[in-house]
C-alpha atoms as a PDB file:
ATOM      1  CA  MET A   1      47.494  71.374  78.131  1.00  0.00           C
ATOM      2  CA  ALA A   2      49.148  68.061  76.498  1.00  0.00           C
ATOM      3  CA  PRO A   3      47.831  64.901  77.987  1.00  0.00           C
ATOM      4  CA  PHE A   4      49.727  62.732  80.552  1.00  0.00           C
ATOM      5  CA  ARG A   5      51.737  60.171  78.508  1.00  0.00           C
ATOM      6  CA  LEU A   6      54.755  57.938  78.484  1.00  0.00           C
ATOM      7  CA  ARG A   7      57.623  58.012  75.761  1.00  0.00           C
ATOM      8  CA  PRO A   8      60.918  56.145  75.657  1.00  0.00           C
ATOM      9  CA  LEU A   9      63.747  57.139  77.862  1.00  0.00           C
ATOM     10  CA  THR A  10      66.770  58.410  75.988  1.00  0.00           C
ATOM     11  CA  ASP A  11      70.383  58.730  76.164  1.00  0.00           C
ATOM     12  CA  ASP A  12      69.981  62.695  76.704  1.00  0.00           C
ATOM     13  CA  ASP A  13      67.502  61.940  79.511  1.00  0.00           C
ATOM     14  CA  VAL A  14      69.850  60.224  81.677  1.00  0.00           C
ATOM     15  CA  PRO A  15      71.653  63.351  83.456  1.00  0.00           C
ATOM     16  CA  MET A  16      68.121  64.473  84.684  1.00  0.00           C
ATOM     17  CA  LEU A  17      67.481  61.146  86.265  1.00  0.00           C
ATOM     18  CA  LEU A  18      70.521  61.479  88.798  1.00  0.00           C
ATOM     19  CA  PRO A  19      69.172  64.009  91.075  1.00  0.00           C
ATOM     20  CA  TRP A  20      65.732  62.435  91.105  1.00  0.00           C
ATOM     21  CA  ARG A  21      67.398  58.988  92.049  1.00  0.00           C
ATOM     22  CA  ASN A  22      69.626  60.418  94.707  1.00  0.00           C
ATOM     23  CA  HIS A  23      67.302  62.408  96.330  1.00  0.00           C
ATOM     24  CA  ALA A  24      66.553  61.155 100.068  1.00  0.00           C
ATOM     25  CA  ASP A  25      62.563  60.552  99.373  1.00  0.00           C
ATOM     26  CA  VAL A  26      63.424  58.299  96.534  1.00  0.00           C
ATOM     27  CA  ARG A  27      66.662  56.532  97.568  1.00  0.00           C
ATOM     28  CA  ARG A  28      65.582  55.484 100.889  1.00  0.00           C
ATOM     29  CA  PHE A  29      62.820  53.295  99.233  1.00  0.00           C
ATOM     30  CA  MET A  30      65.461  51.838  96.357  1.00  0.00           C
ATOM     31  CA  PHE A  31      66.968  48.405  96.611  1.00  0.00           C
ATOM     32  CA  THR A  32      70.438  49.977  95.974  1.00  0.00           C
ATOM     33  CA  GLN A  33      70.770  52.669  98.776  1.00  0.00           C
ATOM     34  CA  HIS A  34      74.086  54.328  98.085  1.00  0.00           C
ATOM     35  CA  GLU A  35      74.228  57.446  96.588  1.00  0.00           C
ATOM     36  CA  ILE A  36      75.125  57.336  93.063  1.00  0.00           C
ATOM     37  CA  GLY A  37      78.059  59.222  91.330  1.00  0.00           C
ATOM     38  CA  ALA A  38      77.645  60.577  87.812  1.00  0.00           C
ATOM     39  CA  ASP A  39      80.026  58.023  86.232  1.00  0.00           C
ATOM     40  CA  GLU A  40      78.123  54.943  87.814  1.00  0.00           C
ATOM     41  CA  HIS A  41      74.933  56.437  86.906  1.00  0.00           C
ATOM     42  CA  ARG A  42      75.879  57.025  83.342  1.00  0.00           C
ATOM     43  CA  ALA A  43      77.634  53.566  82.969  1.00  0.00           C
ATOM     44  CA  PHE A  44      74.680  51.941  84.386  1.00  0.00           C
ATOM     45  CA  PHE A  45      72.298  53.455  81.454  1.00  0.00           C
ATOM     46  CA  ASP A  46      74.942  52.796  78.745  1.00  0.00           C
ATOM     47  CA  ARG A  47      74.382  49.342  79.387  1.00  0.00           C
ATOM     48  CA  ALA A  48      70.452  49.275  80.401  1.00  0.00           C
ATOM     49  CA  LEU A  49      69.408  51.127  77.401  1.00  0.00           C
ATOM     50  CA  ARG A  50      70.677  48.752  75.293  1.00  0.00           C
ATOM     51  CA  ASP A  51      69.731  45.520  77.071  1.00  0.00           C
ATOM     52  CA  PRO A  52      66.929  43.781  75.219  1.00  0.00           C
ATOM     53  CA  THR A  53      65.259  42.480  78.786  1.00  0.00           C
ATOM     54  CA  ARG A  54      64.883  45.864  80.021  1.00  0.00           C
ATOM     55  CA  ALA A  55      62.768  48.925  78.906  1.00  0.00           C
ATOM     56  CA  TYR A  56      62.385  52.551  80.466  1.00  0.00           C
ATOM     57  CA  TYR A  57      59.748  54.846  80.055  1.00  0.00           C
ATOM     58  CA  LEU A  58      59.488  58.577  81.027  1.00  0.00           C
ATOM     59  CA  GLY A  59      56.413  60.043  82.460  1.00  0.00           C
ATOM     60  CA  LEU A  60      55.404  63.405  81.102  1.00  0.00           C
ATOM     61  CA  ASP A  61      52.704  65.806  82.495  1.00  0.00           C
ATOM     62  CA  ASP A  62      51.935  68.568  79.967  1.00  0.00           C
ATOM     63  CA  GLU A  63      55.189  67.495  78.406  1.00  0.00           C
ATOM     64  CA  THR A  64      57.357  67.800  81.620  1.00  0.00           C
ATOM     65  CA  PRO A  65      59.160  65.051  82.991  1.00  0.00           C
ATOM     66  CA  VAL A  66      57.853  63.763  86.254  1.00  0.00           C
ATOM     67  CA  GLY A  67      58.597  60.125  86.932  1.00  0.00           C
ATOM     68  CA  LEU A  68      60.478  56.936  85.464  1.00  0.00           C
ATOM     69  CA  VAL A  69      59.294  53.249  85.059  1.00  0.00           C
ATOM     70  CA  THR A  70      61.682  50.563  84.614  1.00  0.00           C
ATOM     71  CA  PHE A  71      60.594  47.086  83.297  1.00  0.00           C
ATOM     72  CA  ARG A  72      63.425  44.575  83.660  1.00  0.00           C
ATOM     73  CA  ASP A  73      63.459  40.785  82.944  1.00  0.00           C
ATOM     74  CA  ILE A  74      61.487  41.085  80.165  1.00  0.00           C
ATOM     75  CA  ASP A  75      60.876  37.494  79.051  1.00  0.00           C
ATOM     76  CA  PRO A  76      59.003  37.388  75.513  1.00  0.00           C
ATOM     77  CA  VAL A  77      58.550  33.470  75.820  1.00  0.00           C
ATOM     78  CA  GLN A  78      57.021  33.399  79.635  1.00  0.00           C
ATOM     79  CA  GLU A  79      55.371  37.007  78.513  1.00  0.00           C
ATOM     80  CA  SER A  80      56.534  38.360  81.944  1.00  0.00           C
ATOM     81  CA  ALA A  81      58.514  41.337  83.309  1.00  0.00           C
ATOM     82  CA  SER A  82      59.308  42.905  86.580  1.00  0.00           C
ATOM     83  CA  TRP A  83      59.175  46.553  87.232  1.00  0.00           C
ATOM     84  CA  GLY A  84      60.106  49.496  89.255  1.00  0.00           C
ATOM     85  CA  PHE A  85      59.422  53.350  89.401  1.00  0.00           C
ATOM     86  CA  TYR A  86      59.907  56.760  90.978  1.00  0.00           C
ATOM     87  CA  THR A  87      58.548  60.031  90.615  1.00  0.00           C
ATOM     88  CA  ARG A  88      60.251  63.265  90.422  1.00  0.00           C
ATOM     89  CA  PRO A  89      60.607  64.685  93.788  1.00  0.00           C
ATOM     90  CA  GLY A  90      57.871  67.222  94.423  1.00  0.00           C
ATOM     91  CA  SER A  91      55.526  65.771  91.868  1.00  0.00           C
ATOM     92  CA  PRO A  92      51.877  66.458  92.188  1.00  0.00           C
ATOM     93  CA  PRO A  93      49.854  63.831  94.043  1.00  0.00           C
ATOM     94  CA  GLY A  94      48.473  61.225  91.921  1.00  0.00           C
ATOM     95  CA  THR A  95      51.472  61.186  89.257  1.00  0.00           C
ATOM     96  CA  GLY A  96      52.521  57.669  90.235  1.00  0.00           C
ATOM     97  CA  ARG A  97      49.084  56.173  89.655  1.00  0.00           C
ATOM     98  CA  ARG A  98      48.548  57.900  86.236  1.00  0.00           C
ATOM     99  CA  MET A  99      52.113  56.873  85.041  1.00  0.00           C
ATOM    100  CA  LEU A 100      51.937  53.368  86.292  1.00  0.00           C
ATOM    101  CA  THR A 101      48.270  53.109  84.776  1.00  0.00           C
ATOM    102  CA  LEU A 102      49.906  54.078  81.327  1.00  0.00           C
ATOM    103  CA  ALA A 103      52.760  51.632  81.781  1.00  0.00           C
ATOM    104  CA  LEU A 104      50.465  48.674  82.542  1.00  0.00           C
ATOM    105  CA  ASP A 105      48.594  49.421  79.465  1.00  0.00           C
ATOM    106  CA  GLN A 106      51.899  49.434  77.618  1.00  0.00           C
ATOM    107  CA  ALA A 107      52.850  46.200  78.992  1.00  0.00           C
ATOM    108  CA  PHE A 108      49.646  44.283  78.587  1.00  0.00           C
ATOM    109  CA  VAL A 109      48.081  45.995  75.804  1.00  0.00           C
ATOM    110  CA  ARG A 110      51.122  47.104  73.305  1.00  0.00           C
ATOM    111  CA  ASP A 111      53.799  44.623  74.444  1.00  0.00           C
ATOM    112  CA  GLY A 112      51.718  41.479  74.931  1.00  0.00           C
ATOM    113  CA  LEU A 113      52.719  40.515  78.662  1.00  0.00           C
ATOM    114  CA  THR A 114      50.567  38.457  80.881  1.00  0.00           C
ATOM    115  CA  LYS A 115      52.303  39.135  84.110  1.00  0.00           C
ATOM    116  CA  VAL A 116      54.026  42.050  85.694  1.00  0.00           C
ATOM    117  CA  SER A 117      55.512  41.719  89.072  1.00  0.00           C
ATOM    118  CA  GLY A 118      57.021  44.506  91.656  1.00  0.00           C
ATOM    119  CA  GLU A 119      58.480  44.431  95.256  1.00  0.00           C
ATOM    120  CA  ALA A 120      58.642  46.877  97.844  1.00  0.00           C
ATOM    121  CA  PHE A 121      60.200  47.320 101.274  1.00  0.00           C
ATOM    122  CA  ALA A 122      57.459  46.159 103.699  1.00  0.00           C
ATOM    123  CA  PHE A 123      57.904  49.460 105.432  1.00  0.00           C
ATOM    124  CA  ASN A 124      57.085  51.120 102.017  1.00  0.00           C
ATOM    125  CA  ARG A 125      53.316  51.748 102.751  1.00  0.00           C
ATOM    126  CA  ALA A 126      53.042  54.238  99.682  1.00  0.00           C
ATOM    127  CA  SER A 127      54.289  52.024  97.088  1.00  0.00           C
ATOM    128  CA  ILE A 128      52.212  49.052  98.777  1.00  0.00           C
ATOM    129  CA  ARG A 129      48.798  50.916  98.629  1.00  0.00           C
ATOM    130  CA  LEU A 130      49.601  52.203  95.148  1.00  0.00           C
ATOM    131  CA  HIS A 131      50.093  48.494  94.198  1.00  0.00           C
ATOM    132  CA  LEU A 132      46.770  47.487  95.841  1.00  0.00           C
ATOM    133  CA  GLY A 133      44.951  50.350  94.568  1.00  0.00           C
ATOM    134  CA  LEU A 134      45.714  49.504  90.836  1.00  0.00           C
ATOM    135  CA  GLY A 135      44.857  46.092  91.497  1.00  0.00           C
ATOM    136  CA  PHE A 136      47.792  43.972  92.391  1.00  0.00           C
ATOM    137  CA  SER A 137      47.774  40.910  94.349  1.00  0.00           C
ATOM    138  CA  VAL A 138      50.321  40.031  97.265  1.00  0.00           C
ATOM    139  CA  GLU A 139      52.138  36.778  96.202  1.00  0.00           C
ATOM    140  CA  GLY A 140      54.946  36.684  99.045  1.00  0.00           C
ATOM    141  CA  PHE A 141      56.318  38.189 102.079  1.00  0.00           C
ATOM    142  CA  LEU A 142      59.977  37.690 102.000  1.00  0.00           C
ATOM    143  CA  ARG A 143      61.385  37.839 105.432  1.00  0.00           C
ATOM    144  CA  SER A 144      64.693  39.572 106.267  1.00  0.00           C
ATOM    145  CA  HIS A 145      65.295  39.533 102.633  1.00  0.00           C
ATOM    146  CA  ARG A 146      67.431  42.838 102.071  1.00  0.00           C
ATOM    147  CA  GLN A 147      69.912  44.964 103.331  1.00  0.00           C
ATOM    148  CA  CYS A 148      68.580  48.461 104.085  1.00  0.00           C
ATOM    149  CA  GLY A 149      70.318  51.172 106.373  1.00  0.00           C
ATOM    150  CA  GLY A 150      72.426  48.522 108.370  1.00  0.00           C
ATOM    151  CA  ARG A 151      69.732  45.948 108.978  1.00  0.00           C
ATOM    152  CA  ARG A 152      67.840  43.409 106.872  1.00  0.00           C
ATOM    153  CA  VAL A 153      64.418  44.181 106.319  1.00  0.00           C
ATOM    154  CA  ASP A 154      61.309  42.329 104.980  1.00  0.00           C
ATOM    155  CA  VAL A 155      59.932  42.691 101.395  1.00  0.00           C
ATOM    156  CA  VAL A 156      56.621  42.469  99.800  1.00  0.00           C
ATOM    157  CA  ARG A 157      56.065  40.894  96.572  1.00  0.00           C
ATOM    158  CA  MET A 158      53.173  41.594  94.253  1.00  0.00           C
ATOM    159  CA  ALA A 159      51.732  40.712  90.618  1.00  0.00           C
ATOM    160  CA  MET A 160      49.205  41.963  88.519  1.00  0.00           C
ATOM    161  CA  LEU A 161      47.710  39.453  85.639  1.00  0.00           C
ATOM    162  CA  GLU A 162      46.581  40.628  82.346  1.00  0.00           C
ATOM    163  CA  GLY A 163      43.233  39.089  82.479  1.00  0.00           C
ATOM    164  CA  HIS A 164      42.755  41.040  85.569  1.00  0.00           C
ATOM    165  CA  TRP A 165      44.067  44.521  84.343  1.00  0.00           C
ATOM    166  CA  THR A 166      42.021  44.302  81.444  1.00  0.00           C
ATOM    167  CA  SER A 167      38.573  43.772  83.163  1.00  0.00           C
ATOM    168  CA  GLU A 168      39.619  46.076  86.170  1.00  0.00           C
ATOM    169  CA  HIS A 169      40.594  48.861  83.975  1.00  0.00           C
ATOM    170  CA  LYS A 170      37.545  48.498  81.745  1.00  0.00           C
ATOM    171  CA  ALA A 171      35.540  48.756  85.229  1.00  0.00           C
ATOM    172  CA  TRP A 172      37.490  51.889  86.253  1.00  0.00           C
ATOM    173  CA  LEU A 173      36.747  53.812  83.108  1.00  0.00           C
ATOM    174  CA  ALA A 174      33.105  52.960  83.154  1.00  0.00           C
ATOM    175  CA  ARG A 175      32.990  54.532  86.477  1.00  0.00           C
ATOM    176  CA  ALA A 176      35.111  57.106  85.520  1.00  0.00           C
ATOM    177  CA  SER A 177      32.569  58.007  82.818  1.00  0.00           C
ATOM    178  CA  GLU A 178      29.699  58.069  84.959  1.00  0.00           C
ATOM    179  CA  ALA A 179      31.713  60.397  87.124  1.00  0.00           C
ATOM    180  CA  ARG A 180      32.400  62.756  84.449  1.00  0.00           C
ATOM    181  CA  SER A 181      28.693  62.794  83.071  1.00  0.00           C
ATOM    182  CA  ARG A 182      27.141  63.403  86.532  1.00  0.00           C
ATOM    183  CA  SER A 183      29.926  65.860  87.669  1.00  0.00           C
ATOM    184  CA  ALA A 184      27.676  68.697  87.036  1.00  0.00           C
ATOM    185  CA  GLY A 185      24.944  67.289  89.290  1.00  0.00           C
ATOM    186  CA  GLY A 186      25.254  70.018  91.856  1.00  0.00           C
ATOM    187  CA  ASP A 187      24.952  69.196  95.903  1.00  0.00           C
ATOM    188  CA  ALA A 188      23.078  66.036  95.386  1.00  0.00           C
ATOM    189  CA  PRO A 189      25.002  62.957  96.898  1.00  0.00           C
ATOM    190  CA  ARG A 190      26.389  60.371  94.177  1.00  0.00           C
ATOM    191  CA  SER A 191      26.538  56.848  95.265  1.00  0.00           C
ATOM    192  CA  TYR A 192      28.896  54.244  93.199  1.00  0.00           C
ATOM    193  CA  ARG A 193      29.337  50.439  94.075  1.00  0.00           C
ATOM    194  CA  VAL A 194      33.028  49.739  93.677  1.00  0.00           C
ATOM    195  CA  ASP A 195      35.384  47.097  94.427  1.00  0.00           C
ATOM    196  CA  ALA A 196      37.920  47.852  97.345  1.00  0.00           C
ATOM    197  CA  HIS A 197      41.250  46.209  96.655  1.00  0.00           C
ATOM    198  CA  GLY A 198      43.363  47.855  99.124  1.00  0.00           C
ATOM    199  CA  GLY A 199      43.218  50.770 101.601  1.00  0.00           C
ATOM    200  CA  LEU A 200      39.959  52.632 101.588  1.00  0.00           C
ATOM    201  CA  ALA A 201      41.785  55.891 101.290  1.00  0.00           C
ATOM    202  CA  GLN A 202      43.451  54.868  98.314  1.00  0.00           C
ATOM    203  CA  LEU A 203      39.691  53.709  96.990  1.00  0.00           C
ATOM    204  CA  VAL A 204      38.802  57.340  97.122  1.00  0.00           C
ATOM    205  CA  VAL A 205      41.798  58.492  95.337  1.00  0.00           C
ATOM    206  CA  ASN A 206      41.795  56.283  92.619  1.00  0.00           C
ATOM    207  CA  HIS A 207      37.899  57.109  92.220  1.00  0.00           C
ATOM    208  CA  LEU A 208      38.285  60.687  92.113  1.00  0.00           C
ATOM    209  CA  THR A 209      41.290  60.879  90.308  1.00  0.00           C
ATOM    210  CA  ALA A 210      39.764  58.835  87.496  1.00  0.00           C
ATOM    211  CA  GLY A 211      36.577  60.851  87.466  1.00  0.00           C
ATOM    212  CA  MET A 212      37.322  64.434  88.365  1.00  0.00           C
ATOM    213  CA  GLY A 213      41.180  65.419  88.817  1.00  0.00           C
ATOM    214  CA  SER A 214      43.978  65.450  91.040  1.00  0.00           C
ATOM    215  CA  VAL A 215      43.244  64.599  94.884  1.00  0.00           C
ATOM    216  CA  THR A 216      45.247  66.833  97.103  1.00  0.00           C
ATOM    217  CA  SER A 217      44.190  65.544 100.631  1.00  0.00           C
ATOM    218  CA  VAL A 218      41.727  62.524 101.908  1.00  0.00           C
ATOM    219  CA  HIS A 219      40.986  62.689 105.454  1.00  0.00           C
ATOM    220  CA  LEU A 220      38.964  59.617 106.637  1.00  0.00           C
ATOM    221  CA  ASP A 221      37.708  59.193 110.258  1.00  0.00           C
ATOM    222  CA  ALA A 222      35.544  56.352 112.060  1.00  0.00           C
ATOM    223  CA  LEU A 223      37.793  54.087 110.030  1.00  0.00           C
ATOM    224  CA  ARG A 224      36.767  50.461 111.095  1.00  0.00           C
ATOM    225  CA  ALA A 225      39.270  48.678 108.846  1.00  0.00           C
ATOM    226  CA  ALA A 226      42.456  49.718 107.320  1.00  0.00           C
ATOM    227  CA  THR A 227      41.940  47.482 104.259  1.00  0.00           C
ATOM    228  CA  HIS A 228      38.713  46.158 102.965  1.00  0.00           C
ATOM    229  CA  VAL A 229      38.287  43.530 100.026  1.00  0.00           C
ATOM    230  CA  GLY A 230      34.944  43.258  98.386  1.00  0.00           C
ATOM    231  CA  THR A 231      32.087  45.512  97.371  1.00  0.00           C
ATOM    232  CA  VAL A 232      31.554  48.905  99.268  1.00  0.00           C
ATOM    233  CA  GLU A 233      29.220  51.843  98.379  1.00  0.00           C
ATOM    234  CA  LEU A 234      31.239  55.075  98.130  1.00  0.00           C
ATOM    235  CA  VAL A 235      28.713  58.059  98.592  1.00  0.00           C
ATOM    236  CA  LEU A 236      30.149  61.274  97.736  1.00  0.00           C
ATOM    237  CA  ARG A 237      28.571  64.803  98.155  1.00  0.00           C
ATOM    238  CA  ARG A 238      30.227  67.924  96.886  1.00  0.00           C
ATOM    239  CA  VAL A 239      29.900  70.604  99.609  1.00  0.00           C
ATOM    240  CA  ALA A 240      32.269  73.390  98.304  1.00  0.00           C
ATOM    241  CA  ASN A 241      33.484  74.791  94.761  1.00  0.00           C
ATOM    242  CA  GLY A 242      36.336  77.166  94.205  1.00  0.00           C
ATOM    243  CA  ALA A 243      38.341  78.285  91.018  1.00  0.00           C
ATOM    244  CA  GLY A 244      39.363  74.808  89.577  1.00  0.00           C
ATOM    245  CA  GLN A 245      38.838  72.843  93.107  1.00  0.00           C
ATOM    246  CA  ALA A 246      36.277  71.067  94.745  1.00  0.00           C
ATOM    247  CA  THR A 247      35.676  69.426  98.305  1.00  0.00           C
ATOM    248  CA  PHE A 248      33.454  66.359  98.823  1.00  0.00           C
ATOM    249  CA  ASP A 249      31.940  64.667 101.960  1.00  0.00           C
ATOM    250  CA  ILE A 250      32.477  61.196 101.947  1.00  0.00           C
ATOM    251  CA  ASP A 251      30.843  57.691 103.260  1.00  0.00           C
ATOM    252  CA  ILE A 252      32.279  54.354 102.799  1.00  0.00           C
ATOM    253  CA  VAL A 253      29.619  51.713 103.623  1.00  0.00           C
ATOM    254  CA  ASP A 254      29.986  47.926 103.570  1.00  0.00           C
ATOM    255  CA  ALA A 255      27.391  45.538 102.042  1.00  0.00           C
ATOM    256  CA  ASP A 256      25.719  45.211 105.213  1.00  0.00           C
ATOM    257  CA  GLY A 257      25.151  49.118 105.578  1.00  0.00           C
ATOM    258  CA  ALA A 258      27.731  49.553 108.084  1.00  0.00           C
ATOM    259  CA  THR A 259      29.829  52.779 107.876  1.00  0.00           C
ATOM    260  CA  LEU A 260      33.612  51.756 107.388  1.00  0.00           C
ATOM    261  CA  ALA A 261      34.568  55.481 106.722  1.00  0.00           C
ATOM    262  CA  ARG A 262      33.439  58.988 106.753  1.00  0.00           C
ATOM    263  CA  GLY A 263      35.626  61.867 105.978  1.00  0.00           C
ATOM    264  CA  ARG A 264      36.349  64.565 103.328  1.00  0.00           C
ATOM    265  CA  ALA A 265      38.304  64.851  99.946  1.00  0.00           C
ATOM    266  CA  ASP A 266      39.948  68.150  98.283  1.00  0.00           C
ATOM    267  CA  VAL A 267      40.151  67.798  94.670  1.00  0.00           C
ATOM    268  CA  ILE A 268      41.772  70.022  91.878  1.00  0.00           C
ATOM    269  CA  VAL A 269      39.266  69.467  89.150  1.00  0.00           C
ATOM    270  CA  ALA A 270      40.512  68.659  85.796  1.00  0.00           C
ATOM    271  CA  GLU A 271      39.471  71.087  83.169  1.00  0.00           C
ATOM    272  CA  GLY A 272      36.276  70.385  81.488  1.00  0.00           C
ATOM    273  CA  ARG A 273      35.180  68.264  84.737  1.00  0.00           C
ATOM    274  CA  ALA A 274      33.903  71.240  86.793  1.00  0.00           C
END
């Protein structure tokens, strides 16, 4: 199986993107809401792929296209850019995070940017959770900022700085390495102290995706807080194994020892990590 990777978008890829972009599950979260025609689609990319202030990357999972990341307003003087993205409808859970992790490496490590910004409709909770889970900070809440479905809606503005991404990504890699090294530890509980930047469910997804494979479901109950900022203890106990799958019981405990959430997660275990 080929590793997940990014490659630059080409002219030949453009027709494939149109049904993704026009799919209802994608289009309803886009700032341009109308259904795009083939001529409009081609004309846009004819200009955009030759615009030096833009860059487009296709996400490939085992060489299968699964998503698109866009960098726009690239400013080499200010070392900044804005981004947008969408995944192919029906892509496996975790596709967005895997694609965006590589995209941030591209921006900060290879392209030398210092800041990446993004915006989402305030009702697009999945995108906001994904940004926060990656370590983005909310920089603004723009009230009644854009038209959507005949009404004006709020927009959340978020950003990531290179220094924060570098330190955060190294920490995630260290935790992933620890998880992999201990993944054959049987049914004994494994405890990790981790920083929670966004939703607690997203914290579980991030941790298990980095250490084990693709998370198919997370069910948390006794949830005392929808979000939590600070250090928490994530306690995982593997309670079931199947062919390429595992189930974990979860406890999330705050610094005072209080249980913030308790639940269960199902994981498709990546090859070599069972």
